C-alpha atoms as a PDB file:
ATOM      1  CA  UNK A   1       0.000   0.000   0.000  1.00  0.00           C
ATOM      2  CA  UNK A   2       2.762   2.427   0.940  1.00  0.00           C
ATOM      3  CA  UNK A   3       4.514   1.598  -2.330  1.00  0.00           C
ATOM      4  CA  UNK A   4       1.426   2.790  -4.149  1.00  0.00           C
ATOM      5  CA  UNK A   5       1.619   6.129  -2.380  1.00  0.00           C
ATOM      6  CA  UNK A   6       5.286   6.425  -3.227  1.00  0.00           C
ATOM      7  CA  UNK A   7       4.752   6.362  -6.961  1.00  0.00           C
ATOM      8  CA  UNK A   8       5.237   9.501  -8.947  1.00  0.00           C
ATOM      9  CA  UNK A   9       3.568   9.734 -12.332  1.00  0.00           C
ATOM     10  CA  UNK A  10       5.100  11.633 -15.206  1.00  0.00           C
ATOM     11  CA  UNK A  11       2.624  14.448 -14.573  1.00  0.00           C
ATOM     12  CA  UNK A  12       3.669  14.679 -10.948  1.00  0.00           C
ATOM     13  CA  UNK A  13       7.320  14.817 -12.002  1.00  0.00           C
ATOM     14  CA  UNK A  14       6.512  17.738 -14.272  1.00  0.00           C
ATOM     15  CA  UNK A  15       4.913  19.566 -11.326  1.00  0.00           C
ATOM     16  CA  UNK A  16       8.097  19.200  -9.305  1.00  0.00           C
ATOM     17  CA  UNK A  17      10.194  20.339 -12.260  1.00  0.00           C
ATOM     18  CA  UNK A  18       7.949  23.390 -12.724  1.00  0.00           C
ATOM     19  CA  UNK A  19       8.174  24.269  -9.056  1.00  0.00           C
ATOM     20  CA  UNK A  20      11.978  23.936  -9.007  1.00  0.00           C
ATOM     21  CA  UNK A  21      12.393  25.977 -12.162  1.00  0.00           C
ATOM     22  CA  UNK A  22      11.027  29.288 -10.855  1.00  0.00           C
ATOM     23  CA  UNK A  23      10.482  31.273  -7.702  1.00  0.00           C
ATOM     24  CA  UNK A  24       6.872  30.505  -6.854  1.00  0.00           C
ATOM     25  CA  UNK A  25       4.494  33.351  -6.207  1.00  0.00           C
ATOM     26  CA  UNK A  26       1.997  33.220  -3.405  1.00  0.00           C
ATOM     27  CA  UNK A  27      -1.727  33.251  -4.115  1.00  0.00           C
ATOM     28  CA  UNK A  28      -2.043  36.842  -2.902  1.00  0.00           C
ATOM     29  CA  UNK A  29       0.824  37.918  -5.141  1.00  0.00           C
ATOM     30  CA  UNK A  30      -0.670  36.112  -8.120  1.00  0.00           C
ATOM     31  CA  UNK A  31      -4.075  37.713  -7.542  1.00  0.00           C
ATOM     32  CA  UNK A  32      -2.467  41.156  -7.380  1.00  0.00           C
ATOM     33  CA  UNK A  33      -0.779  40.507 -10.731  1.00  0.00           C
ATOM     34  CA  UNK A  34      -3.839  39.401 -12.648  1.00  0.00           C
ATOM     35  CA  UNK A  35      -6.809  38.614 -10.448  1.00  0.00           C
ATOM     36  CA  UNK A  36      -9.096  35.630 -10.835  1.00  0.00           C
ATOM     37  CA  UNK A  37      -7.856  34.439 -14.216  1.00  0.00           C
ATOM     38  CA  UNK A  38      -4.247  34.527 -13.013  1.00  0.00           C
ATOM     39  CA  UNK A  39      -5.138  32.338 -10.022  1.00  0.00           C
ATOM     40  CA  UNK A  40      -6.827  29.784 -12.281  1.00  0.00           C
ATOM     41  CA  UNK A  41      -3.847  29.768 -14.652  1.00  0.00           C
ATOM     42  CA  UNK A  42      -1.513  29.292 -11.680  1.00  0.00           C
ATOM     43  CA  UNK A  43      -3.555  26.321 -10.491  1.00  0.00           C
ATOM     44  CA  UNK A  44      -3.422  24.755 -13.950  1.00  0.00           C
ATOM     45  CA  UNK A  45       0.322  25.452 -14.221  1.00  0.00           C
ATOM     46  CA  UNK A  46       0.767  23.548 -10.945  1.00  0.00           C
ATOM     47  CA  UNK A  47      -0.877  20.542 -12.585  1.00  0.00           C
ATOM     48  CA  UNK A  48      -4.475  20.814 -11.347  1.00  0.00           C
ATOM     49  CA  UNK A  49      -6.796  19.822 -14.224  1.00  0.00           C
ATOM     50  CA  UNK A  50      -9.710  22.278 -14.487  1.00  0.00           C
ATOM     51  CA  UNK A  51     -13.184  22.215 -16.005  1.00  0.00           C
ATOM     52  CA  UNK A  52     -16.016  24.739 -16.042  1.00  0.00           C
ATOM     53  CA  UNK A  53     -18.576  24.659 -13.240  1.00  0.00           C
ATOM     54  CA  UNK A  54     -21.869  26.318 -12.440  1.00  0.00           C
ATOM     55  CA  UNK A  55     -22.056  29.647 -10.614  1.00  0.00           C
ATOM     56  CA  UNK A  56     -24.564  31.461  -8.370  1.00  0.00           C
ATOM     57  CA  UNK A  57     -27.580  33.092  -9.932  1.00  0.00           C
ATOM     58  CA  UNK A  58     -29.043  35.026  -7.053  1.00  0.00           C
ATOM     59  CA  UNK A  59     -29.543  32.423  -4.340  1.00  0.00           C
ATOM     60  CA  UNK A  60     -29.923  29.690  -6.937  1.00  0.00           C
ATOM     61  CA  UNK A  61     -27.700  27.844  -9.369  1.00  0.00           C
ATOM     62  CA  UNK A  62     -26.950  28.917 -12.931  1.00  0.00           C
ATOM     63  CA  UNK A  63     -27.906  25.436 -14.195  1.00  0.00           C
ATOM     64  CA  UNK A  64     -31.381  24.561 -15.472  1.00  0.00           C
ATOM     65  CA  UNK A  65     -32.079  21.969 -12.783  1.00  0.00           C
ATOM     66  CA  UNK A  66     -35.018  22.848 -10.559  1.00  0.00           C
ATOM     67  CA  UNK A  67     -33.978  22.654  -6.919  1.00  0.00           C
ATOM     68  CA  UNK A  68     -30.335  21.936  -7.729  1.00  0.00           C
ATOM     69  CA  UNK A  69     -28.935  20.103  -4.650  1.00  0.00           C
ATOM     70  CA  UNK A  70     -25.409  21.522  -5.063  1.00  0.00           C
ATOM     71  CA  UNK A  71     -25.877  25.046  -6.444  1.00  0.00           C
ATOM     72  CA  UNK A  72     -22.715  26.524  -7.997  1.00  0.00           C
ATOM     73  CA  UNK A  73     -20.697  23.510  -6.835  1.00  0.00           C
ATOM     74  CA  UNK A  74     -20.897  21.142  -9.817  1.00  0.00           C
ATOM     75  CA  UNK A  75     -19.481  20.899 -13.377  1.00  0.00           C
ATOM     76  CA  UNK A  76     -21.570  22.170 -16.252  1.00  0.00           C
ATOM     77  CA  UNK A  77     -20.885  19.103 -18.418  1.00  0.00           C
ATOM     78  CA  UNK A  78     -21.321  15.388 -17.766  1.00  0.00           C
ATOM     79  CA  UNK A  79     -18.006  14.997 -19.633  1.00  0.00           C
ATOM     80  CA  UNK A  80     -16.094  16.982 -17.024  1.00  0.00           C
ATOM     81  CA  UNK A  81     -13.524  14.223 -16.493  1.00  0.00           C
ATOM     82  CA  UNK A  82     -12.464  14.174 -20.127  1.00  0.00           C
ATOM     83  CA  UNK A  83     -12.759  17.959 -20.494  1.00  0.00           C
ATOM     84  CA  UNK A  84     -10.554  18.680 -17.473  1.00  0.00           C
ATOM     85  CA  UNK A  85      -7.328  20.255 -18.638  1.00  0.00           C
ATOM     86  CA  UNK A  86      -4.268  22.220 -17.631  1.00  0.00           C
ATOM     87  CA  UNK A  87      -4.058  23.867 -21.057  1.00  0.00           C
ATOM     88  CA  UNK A  88      -3.717  27.607 -20.519  1.00  0.00           C
ATOM     89  CA  UNK A  89      -5.277  28.617 -23.845  1.00  0.00           C
ATOM     90  CA  UNK A  90      -8.390  26.523 -23.199  1.00  0.00           C
ATOM     91  CA  UNK A  91      -8.820  27.910 -19.694  1.00  0.00           C
ATOM     92  CA  UNK A  92      -8.446  31.463 -20.995  1.00  0.00           C
ATOM     93  CA  UNK A  93     -11.145  30.760 -23.608  1.00  0.00           C
ATOM     94  CA  UNK A  94     -13.481  29.422 -20.947  1.00  0.00           C
ATOM     95  CA  UNK A  95     -12.942  32.490 -18.764  1.00  0.00           C
ATOM     96  CA  UNK A  96     -13.574  34.869 -21.680  1.00  0.00           C
ATOM     97  CA  UNK A  97     -16.670  32.967 -22.798  1.00  0.00           C
ATOM     98  CA  UNK A  98     -18.228  32.728 -19.300  1.00  0.00           C
ATOM     99  CA  UNK A  99     -16.454  35.053 -16.869  1.00  0.00           C
ATOM    100  CA  UNK A 100     -18.899  34.251 -14.045  1.00  0.00           C
ATOM    101  CA  UNK A 101     -18.294  30.502 -14.155  1.00  0.00           C
ATOM    102  CA  UNK A 102     -16.673  28.633 -11.306  1.00  0.00           C
ATOM    103  CA  UNK A 103     -14.141  25.896 -12.003  1.00  0.00           C
ATOM    104  CA  UNK A 104     -13.742  22.433 -10.542  1.00  0.00           C
ATOM    105  CA  UNK A 105     -10.532  20.437 -10.435  1.00  0.00           C
ATOM    106  CA  UNK A 106     -10.808  16.713 -11.166  1.00  0.00           C
ATOM    107  CA  UNK A 107      -9.158  14.571  -8.499  1.00  0.00           C
ATOM    108  CA  UNK A 108      -7.478  11.203  -8.902  1.00  0.00           C
ATOM    109  CA  UNK A 109      -5.453  12.223 -11.960  1.00  0.00           C
ATOM    110  CA  UNK A 110      -2.544  14.199 -10.534  1.00  0.00           C
ATOM    111  CA  UNK A 111      -3.843  15.116  -7.105  1.00  0.00           C
ATOM    112  CA  UNK A 112      -6.298  14.082  -4.425  1.00  0.00           C
ATOM    113  CA  UNK A 113      -8.072  16.304  -1.910  1.00  0.00           C
ATOM    114  CA  UNK A 114      -8.603  15.582   1.779  1.00  0.00           C
ATOM    115  CA  UNK A 115     -11.754  17.515   2.662  1.00  0.00           C
ATOM    116  CA  UNK A 116     -12.572  18.229   6.327  1.00  0.00           C
ATOM    117  CA  UNK A 117     -14.789  20.527   8.427  1.00  0.00           C
ATOM    118  CA  UNK A 118     -13.147  23.933   8.548  1.00  0.00           C
ATOM    119  CA  UNK A 119     -12.708  24.014  12.339  1.00  0.00           C
ATOM    120  CA  UNK A 120     -10.930  20.661  12.284  1.00  0.00           C
ATOM    121  CA  UNK A 121      -8.901  21.743   9.271  1.00  0.00           C
ATOM    122  CA  UNK A 122      -7.619  24.893  10.947  1.00  0.00           C
ATOM    123  CA  UNK A 123      -6.466  22.976  14.014  1.00  0.00           C
ATOM    124  CA  UNK A 124      -4.812  20.298  11.870  1.00  0.00           C
ATOM    125  CA  UNK A 125      -3.074  22.901   9.708  1.00  0.00           C
ATOM    126  CA  UNK A 126      -1.691  24.654  12.784  1.00  0.00           C
ATOM    127  CA  UNK A 127      -0.422  21.344  14.160  1.00  0.00           C
ATOM    128  CA  UNK A 128       1.145  20.286  10.860  1.00  0.00           C
ATOM    129  CA  UNK A 129       2.962  23.562  10.305  1.00  0.00           C
ATOM    130  CA  UNK A 130       4.193  23.652  13.916  1.00  0.00           C
ATOM    131  CA  UNK A 131       5.563  20.126  13.449  1.00  0.00           C
ATOM    132  CA  UNK A 132       7.431  21.099  10.286  1.00  0.00           C
ATOM    133  CA  UNK A 133       5.353  18.849   8.033  1.00  0.00           C
ATOM    134  CA  UNK A 134       5.314  19.885   4.387  1.00  0.00           C
ATOM    135  CA  UNK A 135       1.763  21.024   3.687  1.00  0.00           C
ATOM    136  CA  UNK A 136       0.694  21.668   0.123  1.00  0.00           C
ATOM    137  CA  UNK A 137      -2.077  23.892  -1.225  1.00  0.00           C
ATOM    138  CA  UNK A 138      -5.017  24.420   1.128  1.00  0.00           C
ATOM    139  CA  UNK A 139      -8.354  26.030   0.282  1.00  0.00           C
ATOM    140  CA  UNK A 140     -11.257  27.100   2.453  1.00  0.00           C
ATOM    141  CA  UNK A 141     -14.919  27.150   1.477  1.00  0.00           C
ATOM    142  CA  UNK A 142     -17.387  29.589   2.975  1.00  0.00           C
ATOM    143  CA  UNK A 143     -19.845  26.747   3.537  1.00  0.00           C
ATOM    144  CA  UNK A 144     -17.615  25.250   6.233  1.00  0.00           C
ATOM    145  CA  UNK A 145     -15.094  22.940   4.565  1.00  0.00           C
ATOM    146  CA  UNK A 146     -11.315  23.004   4.155  1.00  0.00           C
ATOM    147  CA  UNK A 147      -9.492  21.266   1.288  1.00  0.00           C
ATOM    148  CA  UNK A 148      -5.959  19.848   1.616  1.00  0.00           C
ATOM    149  CA  UNK A 149      -4.468  19.142  -1.827  1.00  0.00           C
ATOM    150  CA  UNK A 150      -2.091  16.155  -1.986  1.00  0.00           C
ATOM    151  CA  UNK A 151      -0.475  13.819  -4.467  1.00  0.00           C
ATOM    152  CA  UNK A 152      -2.899  11.189  -5.728  1.00  0.00           C
ATOM    153  CA  UNK A 153      -2.897   7.576  -4.650  1.00  0.00           C
ATOM    154  CA  UNK A 154      -2.462   6.967  -8.345  1.00  0.00           C
ATOM    155  CA  UNK A 155      -4.367   5.427 -11.227  1.00  0.00           C
ATOM    156  CA  UNK A 156      -2.633   2.054 -11.625  1.00  0.00           C
ATOM    157  CA  UNK A 157      -2.576   0.381 -15.026  1.00  0.00           C
ATOM    158  CA  UNK A 158      -3.592  -2.851 -13.334  1.00  0.00           C
ATOM    159  CA  UNK A 159      -6.972  -2.295 -11.683  1.00  0.00           C
ATOM    160  CA  UNK A 160      -6.199  -5.123  -9.248  1.00  0.00           C
ATOM    161  CA  UNK A 161      -3.642  -2.782  -7.677  1.00  0.00           C
ATOM    162  CA  UNK A 162      -6.322  -0.236  -6.814  1.00  0.00           C
ATOM    163  CA  UNK A 163      -7.390  -0.328  -3.180  1.00  0.00           C
ATOM    164  CA  UNK A 164     -10.542   1.367  -1.927  1.00  0.00           C
ATOM    165  CA  UNK A 165     -10.758   3.438   1.222  1.00  0.00           C
ATOM    166  CA  UNK A 166     -13.782   3.929   3.471  1.00  0.00           C
ATOM    167  CA  UNK A 167     -13.148   7.666   3.204  1.00  0.00           C
ATOM    168  CA  UNK A 168     -13.445   7.733  -0.605  1.00  0.00           C
ATOM    169  CA  UNK A 169     -15.910  10.440  -1.557  1.00  0.00           C
ATOM    170  CA  UNK A 170     -17.741  11.089  -4.803  1.00  0.00           C
ATOM    171  CA  UNK A 171     -20.153  13.922  -5.638  1.00  0.00           C
ATOM    172  CA  UNK A 172     -23.162  11.746  -4.892  1.00  0.00           C
ATOM    173  CA  UNK A 173     -21.812  10.420  -1.559  1.00  0.00           C
ATOM    174  CA  UNK A 174     -20.630  13.545   0.257  1.00  0.00           C
ATOM    175  CA  UNK A 175     -23.537  13.399   2.721  1.00  0.00           C
ATOM    176  CA  UNK A 176     -22.192  10.008   3.852  1.00  0.00           C
ATOM    177  CA  UNK A 177     -18.893  11.634   4.906  1.00  0.00           C
ATOM    178  CA  UNK A 178     -19.647  14.496   7.309  1.00  0.00           C
ATOM    179  CA  UNK A 179     -16.133  14.217   8.743  1.00  0.00           C
ATOM    180  CA  UNK A 180     -13.139  13.525   6.521  1.00  0.00           C
ATOM    181  CA  UNK A 181     -13.715  12.980   2.794  1.00  0.00           C
ATOM    182  CA  UNK A 182     -11.064  11.652   0.431  1.00  0.00           C
ATOM    183  CA  UNK A 183     -11.631  12.928  -3.096  1.00  0.00           C
ATOM    184  CA  UNK A 184      -9.816  10.622  -5.495  1.00  0.00           C
ATOM    185  CA  UNK A 185     -10.848   8.933  -8.735  1.00  0.00           C
ATOM    186  CA  UNK A 186     -14.172  10.104 -10.103  1.00  0.00           C
ATOM    187  CA  UNK A 187     -14.510  13.107  -7.804  1.00  0.00           C
ATOM    188  CA  UNK A 188     -13.830  16.839  -7.863  1.00  0.00           C
ATOM    189  CA  UNK A 189     -13.767  19.966  -5.718  1.00  0.00           C
ATOM    190  CA  UNK A 190     -14.181  23.632  -6.516  1.00  0.00           C
ATOM    191  CA  UNK A 191     -10.870  25.356  -7.201  1.00  0.00           C
ATOM    192  CA  UNK A 192     -10.362  28.906  -5.905  1.00  0.00           C
ATOM    193  CA  UNK A 193     -11.426  31.508  -6.540  1.00  0.00           C
ATOM    194  CA  UNK A 194     -15.076  30.451  -6.631  1.00  0.00           C
ATOM    195  CA  UNK A 195     -18.386  32.040  -5.716  1.00  0.00           C
ATOM    196  CA  UNK A 196     -21.184  30.312  -3.792  1.00  0.00           C
ATOM    197  CA  UNK A 197     -24.797  31.406  -3.233  1.00  0.00           C
ATOM    198  CA  UNK A 198     -25.307  33.901  -0.430  1.00  0.00           C
ATOM    199  CA  UNK A 199     -22.064  35.743  -1.097  1.00  0.00           C
ATOM    200  CA  UNK A 200     -19.878  32.875   0.150  1.00  0.00           C
ATOM    201  CA  UNK A 201     -16.546  32.145  -1.532  1.00  0.00           C
ATOM    202  CA  UNK A 202     -13.867  29.484  -1.932  1.00  0.00           C
ATOM    203  CA  UNK A 203     -10.363  30.905  -1.473  1.00  0.00           C
ATOM    204  CA  UNK A 204      -6.779  29.763  -1.107  1.00  0.00           C
ATOM    205  CA  UNK A 205      -5.338  29.587   2.396  1.00  0.00           C
ATOM    206  CA  UNK A 206      -2.070  28.291   0.904  1.00  0.00           C
ATOM    207  CA  UNK A 207      -1.790  28.712  -2.839  1.00  0.00           C
ATOM    208  CA  UNK A 208      -0.967  26.247  -5.633  1.00  0.00           C
ATOM    209  CA  UNK A 209       2.697  27.304  -5.538  1.00  0.00           C
ATOM    210  CA  UNK A 210       3.205  24.829  -2.664  1.00  0.00           C
ATOM    211  CA  UNK A 211       4.308  21.320  -3.775  1.00  0.00           C
ATOM    212  CA  UNK A 212       1.776  18.537  -3.345  1.00  0.00           C
ATOM    213  CA  UNK A 213       2.595  16.346  -0.311  1.00  0.00           C
ATOM    214  CA  UNK A 214       2.055  12.630   0.210  1.00  0.00           C
ATOM    215  CA  UNK A 215      -1.469  12.259   1.643  1.00  0.00           C
ATOM    216  CA  UNK A 216      -0.251   9.891   4.364  1.00  0.00           C
ATOM    217  CA  UNK A 217       1.851  12.687   5.834  1.00  0.00           C
ATOM    218  CA  UNK A 218      -1.336  14.670   6.581  1.00  0.00           C
ATOM    219  CA  UNK A 219      -3.812  11.917   7.316  1.00  0.00           C
ATOM    220  CA  UNK A 220      -3.096  11.336  11.023  1.00  0.00           C
ATOM    221  CA  UNK A 221      -3.354  15.017  11.940  1.00  0.00           C
ATOM    222  CA  UNK A 222      -6.550  15.417   9.915  1.00  0.00           C
ATOM    223  CA  UNK A 223      -8.260  12.341  11.333  1.00  0.00           C
ATOM    224  CA  UNK A 224      -7.313  13.300  14.889  1.00  0.00           C
ATOM    225  CA  UNK A 225      -8.671  16.825  14.370  1.00  0.00           C
ATOM    226  CA  UNK A 226     -11.895  15.435  12.884  1.00  0.00           C
ATOM    227  CA  UNK A 227     -12.343  13.048  15.832  1.00  0.00           C
ATOM    228  CA  UNK A 228     -11.956  15.930  18.272  1.00  0.00           C
ATOM    229  CA  UNK A 229     -14.314  18.076  16.209  1.00  0.00           C
ATOM    230  CA  UNK A 230     -16.989  15.372  16.277  1.00  0.00           C
ATOM    231  CA  UNK A 231     -16.506  14.887  20.018  1.00  0.00           C
ATOM    232  CA  UNK A 232     -17.039  18.582  20.610  1.00  0.00           C
ATOM    233  CA  UNK A 233     -20.178  18.560  18.446  1.00  0.00           C
ATOM    234  CA  UNK A 234     -21.610  15.154  19.330  1.00  0.00           C
ATOM    235  CA  UNK A 235     -25.033  16.643  20.026  1.00  0.00           C
ATOM    236  CA  UNK A 236     -25.393  17.366  16.322  1.00  0.00           C
ATOM    237  CA  UNK A 237     -27.240  14.446  14.757  1.00  0.00           C
ATOM    238  CA  UNK A 238     -25.707  15.231  11.372  1.00  0.00           C
ATOM    239  CA  UNK A 239     -22.171  14.439  12.577  1.00  0.00           C
ATOM    240  CA  UNK A 240     -20.524  11.044  12.794  1.00  0.00           C
ATOM    241  CA  UNK A 241     -17.238  10.050  14.388  1.00  0.00           C
ATOM    242  CA  UNK A 242     -14.313   9.129  12.175  1.00  0.00           C
ATOM    243  CA  UNK A 243     -14.028   6.410  11.238  1.00  0.00           C
ATOM    244  CA  UNK A 244     -17.740   5.767  11.379  1.00  0.00           C
ATOM    245  CA  UNK A 245     -18.734   2.619  13.241  1.00  0.00           C
ATOM    246  CA  UNK A 246     -22.233   1.210  13.552  1.00  0.00           C
END
């Protein structure tokens, strides 16, 4: 299992080469240089594959679905996995064509995302940084989640090498993971900057200039923080301890 984590795909090697080849700018510095489009280009340059997503329309979603369950949080196309790209020209065209659109990044290709309640995420981030652990990009969503971007577990050529995890999260199963969610193959998250209904936003806490870490290096701190978070909020029927046991 640990050998699987240790693999580095050609795409991941290119990320490291890109990061070594220039002085990385922080997210704030990038935004000052060119705003929203510059942040999206920076994310793509760091290897995060992007695709267009819906955006807020008042307090509703820009899509045509009545009562959309995830307003402004989902791709606009069912082909989002194949459309996801790091190509700068394509991303620039998308931004020009629909400047209001959010963007998702497809996980399980180059990177995964460990997605936790924001209170637990803040405590875990503080602990990780104080311990000298290399933490990669981190984003925070105004609806109460924090995203830790990591290297992917991989997409092995031999499917028998793939191992599932009880934390694996897909768009249709997020309600089953109120604590820690592991976005890998077949999943996605919004990439900053993004707008949510009610004036909420998704923003970088640590920008895409930070190298992607091994997910195992973050997992213990995140699971511990989630367990404490659930313990402190055990009166909430919507929360479940991690890992969930019946």
